Amino acid sequence: MKQAIVGFLLDEDEHWLAKLACGHHQHVRHNPPWQNRSWVISDEGRKRKIGFRINCKKCDMNAPRDWS
């Protein structure tokens, strides 16, 4: 299910997580060649992705929210 990105935070290993409108978190890594998300590296890049909709696998599994 597609959900909008509403913010970002770092996990305990300092990897970026997208905070989604549904209340779930999802890693958004830049790990070429497997994942090309160079936008996650900069503050400006992350700001441009606010509102962008990504697939939330946790919603598909009816998982509980990660945040309230």
PDB file of N, CA and C in Angstrom:
ATOM      1  N   MET A   1       0.852  -1.173   0.000  1.00  0.00           N
ATOM      2  CA  MET A   1       0.000   0.000   0.000  1.00  0.00           C
ATOM      3  C   MET A   1       0.902   1.241   0.000  1.00  0.00           C
ATOM      4  N   LYS A   2       0.622   2.184  -0.864  1.00  0.00           N
ATOM      5  CA  LYS A   2       1.413   3.414  -0.955  1.00  0.00           C
ATOM      6  C   LYS A   2       1.067   4.352   0.197  1.00  0.00           C
ATOM      7  N   GLN A   3       2.123   4.906   0.828  1.00  0.00           N
ATOM      8  CA  GLN A   3       1.950   5.852   1.930  1.00  0.00           C
ATOM      9  C   GLN A   3       2.902   7.029   1.733  1.00  0.00           C
ATOM     10  N   ALA A   4       2.493   8.207   2.169  1.00  0.00           N
ATOM     11  CA  ALA A   4       3.312   9.409   2.020  1.00  0.00           C
ATOM     12  C   ALA A   4       4.390   9.474   3.093  1.00  0.00           C
ATOM     13  N   ILE A   5       5.565   9.957   2.690  1.00  0.00           N
ATOM     14  CA  ILE A   5       6.647  10.224   3.639  1.00  0.00           C
ATOM     15  C   ILE A   5       6.321  11.535   4.351  1.00  0.00           C
ATOM     16  N   VAL A   6       6.354  11.514   5.682  1.00  0.00           N
ATOM     17  CA  VAL A   6       6.060  12.719   6.462  1.00  0.00           C
ATOM     18  C   VAL A   6       7.284  13.228   7.229  1.00  0.00           C
ATOM     19  N   GLY A   7       8.370  12.479   7.212  1.00  0.00           N
ATOM     20  CA  GLY A   7       9.584  12.895   7.902  1.00  0.00           C
ATOM     21  C   GLY A   7      10.636  11.799   7.837  1.00  0.00           C
ATOM     22  N   PHE A   8      11.760  12.058   8.479  1.00  0.00           N
ATOM     23  CA  PHE A   8      12.873  11.114   8.491  1.00  0.00           C
ATOM     24  C   PHE A   8      13.491  11.065   9.872  1.00  0.00           C
ATOM     25  N   LEU A   9      14.108   9.938  10.194  1.00  0.00           N
ATOM     26  CA  LEU A   9      14.872   9.810  11.430  1.00  0.00           C
ATOM     27  C   LEU A   9      15.969   8.790  11.208  1.00  0.00           C
ATOM     28  N   LEU A  10      16.961   8.794  12.095  1.00  0.00           N
ATOM     29  CA  LEU A  10      18.058   7.835  12.020  1.00  0.00           C
ATOM     30  C   LEU A  10      17.812   6.701  13.004  1.00  0.00           C
ATOM     31  N   ASP A  11      18.148   5.485  12.588  1.00  0.00           N
ATOM     32  CA  ASP A  11      18.054   4.361  13.520  1.00  0.00           C
ATOM     33  C   ASP A  11      19.323   4.296  14.360  1.00  0.00           C
ATOM     34  N   GLU A  12      19.438   3.283  15.205  1.00  0.00           N
ATOM     35  CA  GLU A  12      20.579   3.174  16.121  1.00  0.00           C
ATOM     36  C   GLU A  12      21.904   2.965  15.391  1.00  0.00           C
ATOM     37  N   ASP A  13      21.861   2.524  14.128  1.00  0.00           N
ATOM     38  CA  ASP A  13      23.071   2.350  13.320  1.00  0.00           C
ATOM     39  C   ASP A  13      23.313   3.532  12.383  1.00  0.00           C
ATOM     40  N   GLU A  14      22.527   4.604  12.574  1.00  0.00           N
ATOM     41  CA  GLU A  14      22.594   5.833  11.770  1.00  0.00           C
ATOM     42  C   GLU A  14      22.247   5.597  10.302  1.00  0.00           C
ATOM     43  N   HIS A  15      21.267   4.741  10.088  1.00  0.00           N
ATOM     44  CA  HIS A  15      20.694   4.539   8.752  1.00  0.00           C
ATOM     45  C   HIS A  15      19.369   5.297   8.722  1.00  0.00           C
ATOM     46  N   TRP A  16      19.067   5.925   7.580  1.00  0.00           N
ATOM     47  CA  TRP A  16      17.855   6.728   7.479  1.00  0.00           C
ATOM     48  C   TRP A  16      16.597   5.876   7.365  1.00  0.00           C
ATOM     49  N   LEU A  17      15.593   6.310   8.116  1.00  0.00           N
ATOM     50  CA  LEU A  17      14.246   5.731   8.062  1.00  0.00           C
ATOM     51  C   LEU A  17      13.282   6.819   7.625  1.00  0.00           C
ATOM     52  N   ALA A  18      12.360   6.456   6.743  1.00  0.00           N
ATOM     53  CA  ALA A  18      11.276   7.362   6.395  1.00  0.00           C
ATOM     54  C   ALA A  18      10.148   7.135   7.389  1.00  0.00           C
ATOM     55  N   LYS A  19       9.598   8.221   7.921  1.00  0.00           N
ATOM     56  CA  LYS A  19       8.386   8.144   8.741  1.00  0.00           C
ATOM     57  C   LYS A  19       7.219   8.287   7.772  1.00  0.00           C
ATOM     58  N   LEU A  20       6.332   7.314   7.782  1.00  0.00           N
ATOM     59  CA  LEU A  20       5.223   7.308   6.838  1.00  0.00           C
ATOM     60  C   LEU A  20       3.926   7.770   7.502  1.00  0.00           C
ATOM     61  N   ALA A  21       3.021   8.294   6.705  1.00  0.00           N
ATOM     62  CA  ALA A  21       1.749   8.824   7.208  1.00  0.00           C
ATOM     63  C   ALA A  21       0.945   7.774   7.960  1.00  0.00           C
ATOM     64  N   CYS A  22       1.140   6.515   7.644  1.00  0.00           N
ATOM     65  CA  CYS A  22       0.395   5.430   8.280  1.00  0.00           C
ATOM     66  C   CYS A  22       0.904   5.110   9.686  1.00  0.00           C
ATOM     67  N   GLY A  23       2.068   5.668  10.056  1.00  0.00           N
ATOM     68  CA  GLY A  23       2.636   5.399  11.372  1.00  0.00           C
ATOM     69  C   GLY A  23       3.758   4.380  11.356  1.00  0.00           C
ATOM     70  N   HIS A  24       4.128   3.904  10.183  1.00  0.00           N
ATOM     71  CA  HIS A  24       5.231   2.954  10.068  1.00  0.00           C
ATOM     72  C   HIS A  24       6.529   3.676   9.703  1.00  0.00           C
ATOM     73  N   HIS A  25       7.648   3.017   9.962  1.00  0.00           N
ATOM     74  CA  HIS A  25       8.969   3.469   9.532  1.00  0.00           C
ATOM     75  C   HIS A  25       9.473   2.514   8.460  1.00  0.00           C
ATOM     76  N   GLN A  26      10.252   3.053   7.532  1.00  0.00           N
ATOM     77  CA  GLN A  26      10.842   2.198   6.497  1.00  0.00           C
ATOM     78  C   GLN A  26      12.234   2.707   6.162  1.00  0.00           C
ATOM     79  N   HIS A  27      13.220   1.806   6.123  1.00  0.00           N
ATOM     80  CA  HIS A  27      14.572   2.202   5.738  1.00  0.00           C
ATOM     81  C   HIS A  27      14.574   2.720   4.301  1.00  0.00           C
ATOM     82  N   VAL A  28      15.329   3.776   4.082  1.00  0.00           N
ATOM     83  CA  VAL A  28      15.520   4.342   2.737  1.00  0.00           C
ATOM     84  C   VAL A  28      17.027   4.524   2.551  1.00  0.00           C
ATOM     85  N   ARG A  29      17.685   3.455   2.156  1.00  0.00           N
ATOM     86  CA  ARG A  29      19.144   3.443   2.043  1.00  0.00           C
ATOM     87  C   ARG A  29      19.600   3.762   0.627  1.00  0.00           C
ATOM     88  N   HIS A  30      20.772   4.391   0.577  1.00  0.00           N
ATOM     89  CA  HIS A  30      21.483   4.565  -0.684  1.00  0.00           C
ATOM     90  C   HIS A  30      22.595   3.529  -0.670  1.00  0.00           C
ATOM     91  N   ASN A  31      22.426   2.454  -1.442  1.00  0.00           N
ATOM     92  CA  ASN A  31      23.347   1.336  -1.411  1.00  0.00           C
ATOM     93  C   ASN A  31      23.567   0.817  -2.837  1.00  0.00           C
ATOM     94  N   PRO A  32      24.248   1.639  -3.677  1.00  0.00           N
ATOM     95  CA  PRO A  32      24.420   1.226  -5.079  1.00  0.00           C
ATOM     96  C   PRO A  32      25.191  -0.091  -5.176  1.00  0.00           C
ATOM     97  N   PRO A  33      24.938  -0.910  -6.166  1.00  0.00           N
ATOM     98  CA  PRO A  33      23.968  -0.725  -7.250  1.00  0.00           C
ATOM     99  C   PRO A  33      22.579  -1.249  -6.906  1.00  0.00           C
ATOM    100  N   TRP A  34      22.392  -1.769  -5.701  1.00  0.00           N
ATOM    101  CA  TRP A  34      21.109  -2.386  -5.345  1.00  0.00           C
ATOM    102  C   TRP A  34      20.005  -1.364  -5.119  1.00  0.00           C
ATOM    103  N   GLN A  35      20.323  -0.273  -4.453  1.00  0.00           N
ATOM    104  CA  GLN A  35      19.329   0.782  -4.209  1.00  0.00           C
ATOM    105  C   GLN A  35      19.983   2.122  -4.505  1.00  0.00           C
ATOM    106  N   ASN A  36      19.469   2.826  -5.486  1.00  0.00           N
ATOM    107  CA  ASN A  36      20.025   4.116  -5.864  1.00  0.00           C
ATOM    108  C   ASN A  36      19.135   5.225  -5.318  1.00  0.00           C
ATOM    109  N   ARG A  37      19.419   5.631  -4.107  1.00  0.00           N
ATOM    110  CA  ARG A  37      18.647   6.699  -3.446  1.00  0.00           C
ATOM    111  C   ARG A  37      19.614   7.763  -2.941  1.00  0.00           C
ATOM    112  N   SER A  38      20.340   8.365  -3.848  1.00  0.00           N
ATOM    113  CA  SER A  38      21.323   9.377  -3.446  1.00  0.00           C
ATOM    114  C   SER A  38      20.660  10.577  -2.764  1.00  0.00           C
ATOM    115  N   TRP A  39      19.362  10.774  -2.993  1.00  0.00           N
ATOM    116  CA  TRP A  39      18.646  11.887  -2.371  1.00  0.00           C
ATOM    117  C   TRP A  39      18.629  11.789  -0.852  1.00  0.00           C
ATOM    118  N   VAL A  40      18.773  10.574  -0.298  1.00  0.00           N
ATOM    119  CA  VAL A  40      18.687  10.393   1.155  1.00  0.00           C
ATOM    120  C   VAL A  40      19.932  10.937   1.871  1.00  0.00           C
ATOM    121  N   ILE A  41      21.002  11.161   1.141  1.00  0.00           N
ATOM    122  CA  ILE A  41      22.268  11.589   1.734  1.00  0.00           C
ATOM    123  C   ILE A  41      22.216  13.037   2.230  1.00  0.00           C
ATOM    124  N   SER A  42      21.454  13.896   1.574  1.00  0.00           N
ATOM    125  CA  SER A  42      21.458  15.323   1.930  1.00  0.00           C
ATOM    126  C   SER A  42      20.138  15.762   2.569  1.00  0.00           C
ATOM    127  N   ASP A  43      20.219  16.792   3.398  1.00  0.00           N
ATOM    128  CA  ASP A  43      19.011  17.373   4.006  1.00  0.00           C
ATOM    129  C   ASP A  43      18.039  17.828   2.920  1.00  0.00           C
ATOM    130  N   GLU A  44      18.559  18.509   1.913  1.00  0.00           N
ATOM    131  CA  GLU A  44      17.717  19.027   0.834  1.00  0.00           C
ATOM    132  C   GLU A  44      17.042  17.886   0.072  1.00  0.00           C
ATOM    133  N   GLY A  45      17.777  16.825  -0.191  1.00  0.00           N
ATOM    134  CA  GLY A  45      17.203  15.671  -0.885  1.00  0.00           C
ATOM    135  C   GLY A  45      16.058  15.053  -0.101  1.00  0.00           C
ATOM    136  N   ARG A  46      16.251  14.899   1.208  1.00  0.00           N
ATOM    137  CA  ARG A  46      15.185  14.341   2.042  1.00  0.00           C
ATOM    138  C   ARG A  46      13.990  15.288   2.085  1.00  0.00           C
ATOM    139  N   LYS A  47      14.207  16.572   2.186  1.00  0.00           N
ATOM    140  CA  LYS A  47      13.100  17.549   2.206  1.00  0.00           C
ATOM    141  C   LYS A  47      12.267  17.456   0.936  1.00  0.00           C
ATOM    142  N   ARG A  48      12.929  17.245  -0.203  1.00  0.00           N
ATOM    143  CA  ARG A  48      12.200  17.144  -1.478  1.00  0.00           C
ATOM    144  C   ARG A  48      11.306  15.908  -1.537  1.00  0.00           C
ATOM    145  N   LYS A  49      11.570  14.905  -0.723  1.00  0.00           N
ATOM    146  CA  LYS A  49      10.781  13.670  -0.742  1.00  0.00           C
ATOM    147  C   LYS A  49       9.614  13.673   0.244  1.00  0.00           C
ATOM    148  N   ILE A  50       9.484  14.723   1.058  1.00  0.00           N
ATOM    149  CA  ILE A  50       8.316  14.820   1.944  1.00  0.00           C
ATOM    150  C   ILE A  50       7.063  14.854   1.062  1.00  0.00           C
ATOM    151  N   GLY A  51       6.125  13.985   1.366  1.00  0.00           N
ATOM    152  CA  GLY A  51       4.900  13.880   0.577  1.00  0.00           C
ATOM    153  C   GLY A  51       4.970  12.817  -0.504  1.00  0.00           C
ATOM    154  N   PHE A  52       6.180  12.383  -0.862  1.00  0.00           N
ATOM    155  CA  PHE A  52       6.353  11.331  -1.861  1.00  0.00           C
ATOM    156  C   PHE A  52       5.789  10.033  -1.296  1.00  0.00           C
ATOM    157  N   ARG A  53       5.098   9.274  -2.127  1.00  0.00           N
ATOM    158  CA  ARG A  53       4.446   8.042  -1.673  1.00  0.00           C
ATOM    159  C   ARG A  53       5.304   6.834  -2.040  1.00  0.00           C
ATOM    160  N   ILE A  54       5.546   5.983  -1.038  1.00  0.00           N
ATOM    161  CA  ILE A  54       6.281   4.745  -1.256  1.00  0.00           C
ATOM    162  C   ILE A  54       5.452   3.577  -0.752  1.00  0.00           C
ATOM    163  N   ASN A  55       5.777   2.391  -1.234  1.00  0.00           N
ATOM    164  CA  ASN A  55       5.040   1.205  -0.831  1.00  0.00           C
ATOM    165  C   ASN A  55       5.391   0.836   0.609  1.00  0.00           C
ATOM    166  N   CYS A  56       4.391   0.650   1.456  1.00  0.00           N
ATOM    167  CA  CYS A  56       4.592   0.258   2.849  1.00  0.00           C
ATOM    168  C   CYS A  56       4.230  -1.217   3.007  1.00  0.00           C
ATOM    169  N   LYS A  57       5.263  -2.048   3.137  1.00  0.00           N
ATOM    170  CA  LYS A  57       5.043  -3.486   3.298  1.00  0.00           C
ATOM    171  C   LYS A  57       4.388  -3.805   4.637  1.00  0.00           C
ATOM    172  N   LYS A  58       4.642  -2.967   5.651  1.00  0.00           N
ATOM    173  CA  LYS A  58       4.028  -3.209   6.961  1.00  0.00           C
ATOM    174  C   LYS A  58       2.516  -3.016   6.899  1.00  0.00           C
ATOM    175  N   CYS A  59       2.048  -2.054   6.115  1.00  0.00           N
ATOM    176  CA  CYS A  59       0.602  -1.881   5.930  1.00  0.00           C
ATOM    177  C   CYS A  59       0.002  -3.111   5.255  1.00  0.00           C
ATOM    178  N   ASP A  60       0.722  -3.635   4.256  1.00  0.00           N
ATOM    179  CA  ASP A  60       0.235  -4.826   3.557  1.00  0.00           C
ATOM    180  C   ASP A  60       0.078  -6.005   4.503  1.00  0.00           C
ATOM    181  N   MET A  61       0.875  -6.035   5.577  1.00  0.00           N
ATOM    182  CA  MET A  61       0.821  -7.134   6.554  1.00  0.00           C
ATOM    183  C   MET A  61      -0.026  -6.785   7.777  1.00  0.00           C
ATOM    184  N   ASN A  62      -0.679  -5.612   7.766  1.00  0.00           N
ATOM    185  CA  ASN A  62      -1.475  -5.133   8.896  1.00  0.00           C
ATOM    186  C   ASN A  62      -0.664  -5.080  10.190  1.00  0.00           C
ATOM    187  N   ALA A  63       0.596  -4.667  10.089  1.00  0.00           N
ATOM    188  CA  ALA A  63       1.480  -4.558  11.260  1.00  0.00           C
ATOM    189  C   ALA A  63       1.092  -3.355  12.115  1.00  0.00           C
ATOM    190  N   PRO A  64       1.350  -3.406  13.421  1.00  0.00           N
ATOM    191  CA  PRO A  64       1.062  -2.255  14.283  1.00  0.00           C
ATOM    192  C   PRO A  64       1.974  -1.084  13.924  1.00  0.00           C
ATOM    193  N   ARG A  65       1.525   0.109  14.284  1.00  0.00           N
ATOM    194  CA  ARG A  65       2.279   1.325  13.993  1.00  0.00           C
ATOM    195  C   ARG A  65       3.616   1.334  14.729  1.00  0.00           C
ATOM    196  N   ASP A  66       4.607   1.971  14.133  1.00  0.00           N
ATOM    197  CA  ASP A  66       5.909   2.146  14.773  1.00  0.00           C
ATOM    198  C   ASP A  66       5.943   3.412  15.633  1.00  0.00           C
ATOM    199  N   TRP A  67       5.066   4.356  15.363  1.00  0.00           N
ATOM    200  CA  TRP A  67       5.015   5.609  16.120  1.00  0.00           C
ATOM    201  C   TRP A  67       3.580   6.119  16.147  1.00  0.00           C
ATOM    202  N   SER A  68       3.332   7.016  17.089  1.00  0.00           N
ATOM    203  CA  SER A  68       1.969   7.569  17.169  1.00  0.00           C
ATOM    204  C   SER A  68       1.980   9.053  16.952  1.00  0.00           C
TER     205      SER A  68
END
